[in-house]
Protein backbone atom coordinates (compact mmCIF):
# COMPACT_ATOMS: atom_id res chain seq x y z
CA UNK A 1 116.03 91.09 83.27
CA UNK A 2 119.40 91.14 84.85
CA UNK A 3 119.82 89.29 88.17
CA UNK A 4 121.04 92.44 89.89
CA UNK A 5 117.97 94.38 88.97
CA UNK A 6 115.72 91.49 90.16
CA UNK A 7 117.60 91.46 93.54
CA UNK A 8 117.16 95.16 93.98
CA UNK A 9 113.51 94.93 93.00
CA UNK A 10 113.05 92.08 95.44
CA UNK A 11 114.41 94.20 98.36
CA UNK A 12 112.26 97.15 97.38
CA UNK A 13 109.16 95.02 97.11
CA UNK A 14 109.95 93.36 100.49
CA UNK A 15 110.23 96.63 102.40
CA UNK A 16 107.24 98.17 100.64
CA UNK A 17 104.91 95.24 101.38
CA UNK A 18 106.07 94.47 104.95
CA UNK A 19 104.06 97.28 106.59
CA UNK A 20 100.83 96.14 104.83
CA UNK A 21 101.35 92.49 105.81
CA UNK A 22 102.16 93.46 109.38
CA UNK A 23 98.96 95.51 109.59
CA UNK A 24 97.02 92.64 108.14
CA UNK A 25 98.40 90.30 110.82
CA UNK A 26 97.49 92.75 113.50
CA UNK A 27 93.91 92.22 112.46
CA UNK A 28 94.08 88.65 113.75
CA UNK A 29 93.39 88.13 117.43
CA UNK A 30 95.91 85.62 118.62
CA UNK A 31 95.44 86.40 122.28
CA UNK A 32 92.80 83.65 122.62
CA UNK A 33 95.44 81.09 121.75
CA UNK A 34 97.93 82.18 124.38
CA UNK A 35 97.83 82.84 128.12
CA UNK A 36 97.16 86.41 129.23
CA UNK A 37 100.74 86.99 130.49
CA UNK A 38 102.38 85.94 127.27
CA UNK A 39 102.28 89.21 125.37
CA UNK A 40 105.88 89.02 124.15
CA UNK A 41 105.27 85.59 122.57
CA UNK A 42 102.24 86.94 120.68
CA UNK A 43 104.37 89.92 119.43
CA UNK A 44 107.13 87.48 118.26
CA UNK A 45 104.56 85.37 116.43
CA UNK A 46 103.15 88.45 114.70
CA UNK A 47 106.58 89.74 113.70
CA UNK A 48 107.98 86.33 112.42
CA UNK A 49 104.71 85.44 110.57
CA UNK A 50 104.65 88.84 108.91
CA UNK A 51 108.26 88.45 107.79
CA UNK A 52 107.69 84.98 106.50
CA UNK A 53 104.54 85.85 104.55
CA UNK A 54 106.11 89.04 103.17
CA UNK A 55 109.13 86.94 101.99
CA UNK A 56 106.80 84.42 100.31
CA UNK A 57 104.74 87.17 98.64
CA UNK A 58 107.88 88.92 97.42
CA UNK A 59 109.34 85.66 96.09
CA UNK A 60 106.04 84.97 94.21
CA UNK A 61 106.05 88.46 92.65
CA UNK A 62 109.71 88.13 91.62
CA UNK A 63 109.07 84.73 90.13
CA UNK A 64 106.18 86.02 88.09
CA UNK A 65 108.33 88.91 86.84
CA UNK A 66 111.12 86.52 85.96
CA UNK A 67 108.71 84.12 84.15
CA UNK A 68 107.05 86.86 82.25
CA UNK A 69 110.41 88.27 81.26
CA UNK A 70 111.70 84.89 80.12
CA UNK A 71 108.47 84.26 78.09
CA UNK A 72 108.52 87.57 76.40
CA UNK A 73 112.23 87.43 75.37
């Protein structure tokens, strides 16, 4: 595949999977690790961890697509 197509596909996959990863991270109860008044810190941890894991998941999918494309051609 061409690099431009892979970059566009990477952006599409990132924005499609981010809501699912964010909902999955909301299932974790991080409030027991923080003080009761630190709600904004918990929200920041949720958002950044969801972004990081979405990025890692997207890179893994794109690498699989790239490797399968290079093996088949």
